[in-house]
Amino acid sequence: PLVDLRVQCVDGELSLAAQRGRAVLLVAFSTENLASQLLLRHVDAVAAAHRDDLVAVALAGDRMDPRDLALVLSTYRDIAGLTSTRMCFADDVIRSGESDLGRVDHVPTLFVLNRAGGVARRVEDVPTREALARMVAPALPPR
């Protein structure tokens, strides 16, 4: 099935359906989880290398006041040095497992969406930057 989510981000709304034609790396994460930070750094580096063809999205499952979470995510982005990743908020539908992503019982969880908008891979691990680049390569247009 195609992933058709609309999420609020620090810098405005993001529609995953509007990203069709580009691959998407979406990370479901928690700001308190160090493995999440490592994965997001890898995702950000791969996204920076493929700016025209790849979208990186960090989807925080943290439960807090939206204004506080926006500040936390902005600070997290700056501390982690993320320059190519949209920092977004998981809503109650996503947290409940009723979204197009299904249940997320582990953080971080990486979703690789192909250019058509379908989940090509779901990974509950932290691949190396090199492994991540190899993993996303089939979802990118040929060079």
N, C-alpha and C. Protein backbone atom coordinates (compact mmCIF):
# COMPACT_ATOMS: atom_id res chain seq x y z
N PRO A 1 0.83 -1.21 0.00
CA PRO A 1 0.00 0.00 0.00
C PRO A 1 0.86 1.26 0.00
N LEU A 2 0.32 2.31 -0.58
CA LEU A 2 1.02 3.59 -0.62
C LEU A 2 0.86 4.32 0.71
N VAL A 3 1.89 5.03 1.10
CA VAL A 3 1.86 5.81 2.34
C VAL A 3 1.39 7.21 1.99
N ASP A 4 0.28 7.60 2.59
CA ASP A 4 -0.35 8.88 2.29
C ASP A 4 -0.55 9.67 3.59
N LEU A 5 0.55 10.02 4.24
CA LEU A 5 0.47 10.73 5.52
C LEU A 5 0.65 12.23 5.31
N ARG A 6 -0.01 12.98 6.17
CA ARG A 6 0.23 14.41 6.30
C ARG A 6 0.65 14.61 7.75
N VAL A 7 1.82 15.22 7.93
CA VAL A 7 2.33 15.43 9.28
C VAL A 7 2.75 16.88 9.46
N GLN A 8 2.66 17.32 10.70
CA GLN A 8 3.15 18.65 11.04
C GLN A 8 4.63 18.56 11.34
N CYS A 9 5.37 19.54 10.86
CA CYS A 9 6.81 19.59 11.07
C CYS A 9 7.17 20.94 11.69
N VAL A 10 8.38 21.03 12.15
CA VAL A 10 8.85 22.29 12.74
C VAL A 10 8.69 23.43 11.74
N ASP A 11 8.89 23.13 10.45
CA ASP A 11 8.84 24.17 9.42
C ASP A 11 7.57 24.12 8.58
N GLY A 12 6.49 23.54 9.10
CA GLY A 12 5.22 23.51 8.38
C GLY A 12 4.76 22.08 8.10
N GLU A 13 3.68 21.95 7.33
CA GLU A 13 3.10 20.63 7.06
C GLU A 13 3.88 19.92 5.95
N LEU A 14 3.91 18.59 6.04
CA LEU A 14 4.53 17.76 5.02
C LEU A 14 3.54 16.69 4.59
N SER A 15 3.33 16.58 3.29
CA SER A 15 2.50 15.53 2.71
C SER A 15 3.43 14.53 2.04
N LEU A 16 3.39 13.28 2.49
CA LEU A 16 4.22 12.27 1.84
C LEU A 16 3.72 11.97 0.43
N ALA A 17 2.42 12.11 0.19
CA ALA A 17 1.90 11.89 -1.17
C ALA A 17 2.50 12.90 -2.14
N ALA A 18 2.76 14.11 -1.67
CA ALA A 18 3.35 15.14 -2.53
C ALA A 18 4.82 14.86 -2.85
N GLN A 19 5.41 13.89 -2.17
CA GLN A 19 6.82 13.55 -2.41
C GLN A 19 6.97 12.46 -3.46
N ARG A 20 5.87 11.95 -4.00
CA ARG A 20 5.96 10.88 -5.00
C ARG A 20 6.84 11.33 -6.15
N GLY A 21 7.64 10.42 -6.64
CA GLY A 21 8.64 10.74 -7.64
C GLY A 21 10.01 10.88 -7.02
N ARG A 22 10.05 10.96 -5.69
CA ARG A 22 11.30 11.01 -4.94
C ARG A 22 11.26 9.89 -3.91
N ALA A 23 12.39 9.30 -3.61
CA ALA A 23 12.45 8.31 -2.52
C ALA A 23 12.37 9.07 -1.19
N VAL A 24 11.88 8.38 -0.16
CA VAL A 24 11.76 8.99 1.16
C VAL A 24 12.39 8.05 2.19
N LEU A 25 13.23 8.61 3.03
CA LEU A 25 13.73 7.91 4.21
C LEU A 25 13.02 8.51 5.40
N LEU A 26 12.18 7.74 6.04
CA LEU A 26 11.40 8.21 7.18
C LEU A 26 11.84 7.44 8.42
N VAL A 27 12.23 8.17 9.44
CA VAL A 27 12.69 7.56 10.69
C VAL A 27 11.71 7.88 11.80
N ALA A 28 11.07 6.83 12.35
CA ALA A 28 10.26 6.98 13.55
C ALA A 28 11.24 6.91 14.72
N PHE A 29 11.25 7.96 15.55
CA PHE A 29 12.29 8.03 16.58
C PHE A 29 11.78 8.70 17.85
N SER A 30 12.62 8.64 18.86
CA SER A 30 12.38 9.34 20.11
C SER A 30 13.62 10.19 20.39
N THR A 31 13.42 11.39 20.88
CA THR A 31 14.55 12.28 21.13
C THR A 31 15.42 11.77 22.28
N GLU A 32 14.92 10.86 23.08
CA GLU A 32 15.71 10.34 24.21
C GLU A 32 16.54 9.11 23.84
N ASN A 33 16.43 8.63 22.61
CA ASN A 33 17.08 7.40 22.19
C ASN A 33 18.34 7.73 21.39
N LEU A 34 19.51 7.33 21.91
CA LEU A 34 20.77 7.65 21.23
C LEU A 34 20.92 6.95 19.89
N ALA A 35 20.41 5.73 19.76
CA ALA A 35 20.48 5.04 18.48
C ALA A 35 19.71 5.82 17.42
N SER A 36 18.63 6.48 17.83
CA SER A 36 17.87 7.32 16.89
C SER A 36 18.74 8.44 16.34
N GLN A 37 19.53 9.06 17.21
CA GLN A 37 20.38 10.16 16.76
C GLN A 37 21.41 9.66 15.75
N LEU A 38 22.00 8.50 16.01
CA LEU A 38 22.98 7.95 15.08
C LEU A 38 22.34 7.66 13.72
N LEU A 39 21.18 7.01 13.74
CA LEU A 39 20.49 6.71 12.48
C LEU A 39 20.15 7.99 11.73
N LEU A 40 19.66 9.00 12.44
CA LEU A 40 19.31 10.25 11.78
C LEU A 40 20.52 10.94 11.17
N ARG A 41 21.67 10.83 11.79
CA ARG A 41 22.89 11.40 11.19
C ARG A 41 23.22 10.67 9.89
N HIS A 42 23.08 9.35 9.88
CA HIS A 42 23.33 8.57 8.65
C HIS A 42 22.33 8.94 7.56
N VAL A 43 21.05 9.01 7.93
CA VAL A 43 20.00 9.36 6.97
C VAL A 43 20.24 10.75 6.40
N ASP A 44 20.60 11.68 7.25
CA ASP A 44 20.84 13.05 6.81
C ASP A 44 22.00 13.11 5.82
N ALA A 45 23.06 12.37 6.08
CA ALA A 45 24.21 12.37 5.17
C ALA A 45 23.84 11.78 3.81
N VAL A 46 23.08 10.70 3.80
CA VAL A 46 22.67 10.10 2.53
C VAL A 46 21.73 11.05 1.79
N ALA A 47 20.81 11.68 2.51
CA ALA A 47 19.88 12.62 1.88
C ALA A 47 20.63 13.82 1.30
N ALA A 48 21.65 14.30 1.99
CA ALA A 48 22.43 15.43 1.50
C ALA A 48 23.13 15.09 0.19
N ALA A 49 23.50 13.83 0.02
CA ALA A 49 24.18 13.40 -1.20
C ALA A 49 23.23 13.23 -2.38
N HIS A 50 21.92 13.21 -2.09
CA HIS A 50 20.91 12.98 -3.14
C HIS A 50 19.76 13.98 -3.00
N ARG A 51 20.09 15.24 -2.81
CA ARG A 51 19.07 16.27 -2.51
C ARG A 51 17.89 16.30 -3.48
N ASP A 52 18.13 16.09 -4.75
CA ASP A 52 17.05 16.20 -5.74
C ASP A 52 16.15 14.96 -5.78
N ASP A 53 16.65 13.84 -5.29
CA ASP A 53 15.95 12.57 -5.47
C ASP A 53 15.47 11.92 -4.18
N LEU A 54 15.83 12.49 -3.03
CA LEU A 54 15.60 11.83 -1.75
C LEU A 54 15.14 12.83 -0.70
N VAL A 55 14.11 12.46 0.04
CA VAL A 55 13.59 13.28 1.13
C VAL A 55 13.83 12.54 2.44
N ALA A 56 14.37 13.23 3.43
CA ALA A 56 14.59 12.64 4.75
C ALA A 56 13.61 13.26 5.73
N VAL A 57 12.91 12.38 6.48
CA VAL A 57 11.90 12.82 7.43
C VAL A 57 12.16 12.14 8.77
N ALA A 58 12.24 12.94 9.83
CA ALA A 58 12.36 12.43 11.20
C ALA A 58 11.00 12.62 11.86
N LEU A 59 10.40 11.54 12.31
CA LEU A 59 9.05 11.57 12.87
C LEU A 59 9.12 11.23 14.35
N ALA A 60 9.06 12.27 15.19
CA ALA A 60 9.23 12.11 16.64
C ALA A 60 7.94 11.62 17.29
N GLY A 61 8.07 10.55 18.06
CA GLY A 61 6.92 10.00 18.78
C GLY A 61 6.78 10.55 20.19
N ASP A 62 7.64 11.48 20.57
CA ASP A 62 7.61 12.05 21.92
C ASP A 62 6.26 12.71 22.19
N ARG A 63 5.75 12.49 23.38
CA ARG A 63 4.49 13.12 23.79
C ARG A 63 4.79 14.32 24.68
N MET A 64 4.52 15.49 24.14
CA MET A 64 4.67 16.73 24.92
C MET A 64 3.90 17.83 24.21
N ASP A 65 3.79 18.95 24.86
CA ASP A 65 3.12 20.10 24.28
C ASP A 65 3.76 20.40 22.92
N PRO A 66 2.95 20.64 21.88
CA PRO A 66 3.52 20.87 20.54
C PRO A 66 4.55 21.99 20.46
N ARG A 67 4.34 23.08 21.20
CA ARG A 67 5.33 24.16 21.18
C ARG A 67 6.65 23.72 21.80
N ASP A 68 6.54 22.96 22.91
CA ASP A 68 7.76 22.45 23.55
C ASP A 68 8.47 21.46 22.63
N LEU A 69 7.70 20.60 21.97
CA LEU A 69 8.30 19.61 21.08
C LEU A 69 8.97 20.30 19.89
N ALA A 70 8.37 21.34 19.37
CA ALA A 70 8.99 22.08 18.26
C ALA A 70 10.35 22.62 18.68
N LEU A 71 10.44 23.15 19.89
CA LEU A 71 11.72 23.67 20.40
C LEU A 71 12.72 22.52 20.59
N VAL A 72 12.26 21.42 21.16
CA VAL A 72 13.13 20.26 21.36
C VAL A 72 13.66 19.75 20.01
N LEU A 73 12.78 19.65 19.01
CA LEU A 73 13.20 19.14 17.70
C LEU A 73 14.15 20.09 16.98
N SER A 74 13.91 21.37 17.09
CA SER A 74 14.84 22.35 16.50
C SER A 74 16.21 22.25 17.15
N THR A 75 16.22 22.13 18.46
CA THR A 75 17.47 22.00 19.20
C THR A 75 18.16 20.69 18.85
N TYR A 76 17.41 19.61 18.79
CA TYR A 76 17.93 18.28 18.43
C TYR A 76 18.58 18.33 17.05
N ARG A 77 17.88 18.96 16.10
CA ARG A 77 18.40 19.08 14.73
C ARG A 77 19.74 19.81 14.73
N ASP A 78 19.83 20.91 15.51
CA ASP A 78 21.06 21.69 15.55
C ASP A 78 22.20 20.93 16.23
N ILE A 79 21.91 20.28 17.34
CA ILE A 79 22.95 19.54 18.06
C ILE A 79 23.46 18.36 17.24
N ALA A 80 22.54 17.67 16.55
CA ALA A 80 22.93 16.51 15.74
C ALA A 80 23.54 16.93 14.39
N GLY A 81 23.44 18.21 14.05
CA GLY A 81 24.01 18.70 12.79
C GLY A 81 23.21 18.26 11.57
N LEU A 82 21.91 18.11 11.72
CA LEU A 82 21.06 17.66 10.61
C LEU A 82 20.71 18.85 9.72
N THR A 83 21.06 18.75 8.44
CA THR A 83 20.81 19.86 7.52
C THR A 83 19.84 19.50 6.40
N SER A 84 19.56 18.22 6.22
CA SER A 84 18.73 17.77 5.09
C SER A 84 17.51 16.98 5.53
N THR A 85 17.18 17.05 6.81
CA THR A 85 16.09 16.24 7.37
C THR A 85 14.98 17.12 7.91
N ARG A 86 13.74 16.83 7.49
CA ARG A 86 12.57 17.54 8.04
C ARG A 86 12.24 16.95 9.40
N MET A 87 12.10 17.77 10.41
CA MET A 87 11.80 17.34 11.78
C MET A 87 10.29 17.48 12.00
N CYS A 88 9.61 16.33 12.20
CA CYS A 88 8.15 16.30 12.24
C CYS A 88 7.63 15.60 13.50
N PHE A 89 6.33 15.76 13.73
CA PHE A 89 5.68 15.23 14.93
C PHE A 89 4.75 14.07 14.57
N ALA A 90 4.88 12.96 15.27
CA ALA A 90 3.92 11.87 15.11
C ALA A 90 2.64 12.26 15.86
N ASP A 91 1.50 12.06 15.23
CA ASP A 91 0.24 12.36 15.90
C ASP A 91 -0.31 11.08 16.56
N ASP A 92 -1.48 11.19 17.19
CA ASP A 92 -2.06 10.05 17.89
C ASP A 92 -2.38 8.88 16.96
N VAL A 93 -2.75 9.17 15.71
CA VAL A 93 -3.06 8.09 14.76
C VAL A 93 -1.78 7.31 14.45
N ILE A 94 -0.69 8.00 14.26
CA ILE A 94 0.58 7.32 13.99
C ILE A 94 1.01 6.54 15.22
N ARG A 95 0.94 7.16 16.40
CA ARG A 95 1.34 6.48 17.64
C ARG A 95 0.49 5.25 17.92
N SER A 96 -0.78 5.27 17.52
CA SER A 96 -1.69 4.15 17.78
C SER A 96 -1.44 2.97 16.84
N GLY A 97 -0.68 3.20 15.78
CA GLY A 97 -0.43 2.13 14.80
C GLY A 97 -1.48 2.06 13.71
N GLU A 98 -2.38 3.04 13.65
CA GLU A 98 -3.46 3.01 12.68
C GLU A 98 -3.15 3.79 11.40
N SER A 99 -1.93 4.30 11.28
CA SER A 99 -1.57 5.04 10.06
C SER A 99 -1.11 4.06 8.99
N ASP A 100 -0.77 4.59 7.83
CA ASP A 100 -0.27 3.77 6.73
C ASP A 100 1.05 3.08 7.06
N LEU A 101 1.74 3.53 8.10
CA LEU A 101 3.01 2.92 8.50
C LEU A 101 2.81 1.67 9.35
N GLY A 102 1.62 1.51 9.92
CA GLY A 102 1.38 0.38 10.82
C GLY A 102 1.99 0.65 12.19
N ARG A 103 2.07 -0.41 12.98
CA ARG A 103 2.60 -0.27 14.35
C ARG A 103 4.11 -0.03 14.32
N VAL A 104 4.54 0.84 15.21
CA VAL A 104 5.96 1.07 15.42
C VAL A 104 6.23 0.75 16.89
N ASP A 105 6.82 -0.43 17.11
CA ASP A 105 7.06 -0.88 18.48
C ASP A 105 8.50 -0.69 18.92
N HIS A 106 9.33 -0.20 18.01
CA HIS A 106 10.76 -0.06 18.29
C HIS A 106 11.25 1.26 17.70
N VAL A 107 12.08 1.98 18.46
CA VAL A 107 12.74 3.15 17.90
C VAL A 107 14.24 2.95 17.99
N PRO A 108 14.94 3.36 16.97
CA PRO A 108 14.39 3.92 15.75
C PRO A 108 13.90 2.83 14.79
N THR A 109 12.90 3.19 14.00
CA THR A 109 12.46 2.35 12.88
C THR A 109 12.58 3.19 11.62
N LEU A 110 13.26 2.63 10.63
CA LEU A 110 13.46 3.30 9.35
C LEU A 110 12.51 2.72 8.32
N PHE A 111 11.83 3.60 7.61
CA PHE A 111 10.99 3.21 6.48
C PHE A 111 11.63 3.79 5.23
N VAL A 112 11.89 2.92 4.25
CA VAL A 112 12.39 3.37 2.95
C VAL A 112 11.19 3.33 2.01
N LEU A 113 10.75 4.50 1.56
CA LEU A 113 9.64 4.59 0.62
C LEU A 113 10.19 4.76 -0.79
N ASN A 114 9.68 3.97 -1.72
CA ASN A 114 10.13 4.09 -3.10
C ASN A 114 9.50 5.32 -3.76
N ARG A 115 9.86 5.58 -4.99
CA ARG A 115 9.36 6.79 -5.66
C ARG A 115 7.86 6.76 -5.89
N ALA A 116 7.25 5.59 -5.86
CA ALA A 116 5.80 5.48 -6.01
C ALA A 116 5.08 5.77 -4.70
N GLY A 117 5.82 5.79 -3.58
CA GLY A 117 5.21 6.08 -2.28
C GLY A 117 4.90 4.86 -1.45
N GLY A 118 5.39 3.69 -1.87
CA GLY A 118 5.18 2.47 -1.10
C GLY A 118 6.37 2.16 -0.22
N VAL A 119 6.13 1.42 0.86
CA VAL A 119 7.22 1.03 1.75
C VAL A 119 8.01 -0.09 1.08
N ALA A 120 9.25 0.20 0.72
CA ALA A 120 10.13 -0.79 0.09
C ALA A 120 10.86 -1.60 1.14
N ARG A 121 11.18 -0.96 2.27
CA ARG A 121 11.86 -1.64 3.38
C ARG A 121 11.47 -1.01 4.69
N ARG A 122 11.48 -1.84 5.71
CA ARG A 122 11.26 -1.41 7.09
C ARG A 122 12.41 -2.01 7.90
N VAL A 123 13.16 -1.17 8.61
CA VAL A 123 14.36 -1.63 9.29
C VAL A 123 14.31 -1.17 10.75
N GLU A 124 14.42 -2.13 11.67
CA GLU A 124 14.44 -1.82 13.10
C GLU A 124 15.86 -2.02 13.61
N ASP A 125 16.78 -1.29 13.03
CA ASP A 125 18.20 -1.41 13.34
C ASP A 125 18.85 -0.11 12.91
N VAL A 126 20.14 0.03 13.15
CA VAL A 126 20.87 1.22 12.72
C VAL A 126 21.95 0.78 11.73
N PRO A 127 21.62 0.80 10.44
CA PRO A 127 22.62 0.43 9.45
C PRO A 127 23.71 1.49 9.38
N THR A 128 24.88 1.08 8.93
CA THR A 128 25.96 2.05 8.72
C THR A 128 25.54 2.99 7.59
N ARG A 129 26.25 4.08 7.46
CA ARG A 129 25.98 5.03 6.39
C ARG A 129 26.11 4.35 5.03
N GLU A 130 27.13 3.53 4.89
CA GLU A 130 27.37 2.83 3.63
C GLU A 130 26.25 1.83 3.33
N ALA A 131 25.84 1.08 4.34
CA ALA A 131 24.75 0.11 4.16
C ALA A 131 23.45 0.84 3.82
N LEU A 132 23.22 1.98 4.44
CA LEU A 132 22.03 2.77 4.16
C LEU A 132 22.05 3.27 2.71
N ALA A 133 23.19 3.72 2.25
CA ALA A 133 23.30 4.18 0.86
C ALA A 133 23.01 3.04 -0.11
N ARG A 134 23.51 1.84 0.18
CA ARG A 134 23.23 0.68 -0.68
C ARG A 134 21.75 0.31 -0.62
N MET A 135 21.15 0.44 0.57
CA MET A 135 19.75 0.09 0.77
C MET A 135 18.82 1.00 -0.02
N VAL A 136 19.16 2.28 -0.10
CA VAL A 136 18.29 3.25 -0.76
C VAL A 136 18.55 3.33 -2.26
N ALA A 137 19.69 2.84 -2.72
CA ALA A 137 20.06 2.96 -4.13
C ALA A 137 18.98 2.47 -5.10
N PRO A 138 18.32 1.32 -4.84
CA PRO A 138 17.28 0.87 -5.79
C PRO A 138 16.07 1.81 -5.88
N ALA A 139 15.87 2.63 -4.84
CA ALA A 139 14.73 3.55 -4.83
C ALA A 139 15.02 4.86 -5.55
N LEU A 140 16.29 5.08 -5.90
CA LEU A 140 16.68 6.32 -6.56
C LEU A 140 16.64 6.15 -8.07
N PRO A 141 16.43 7.26 -8.81
CA PRO A 141 16.46 7.14 -10.27
C PRO A 141 17.87 6.80 -10.75
N PRO A 142 17.97 6.11 -11.88
CA PRO A 142 19.31 5.77 -12.39
C PRO A 142 20.08 7.04 -12.76
N ARG A 143 21.36 6.99 -12.55
CA ARG A 143 22.22 8.16 -12.86
C ARG A 143 22.85 7.98 -14.21
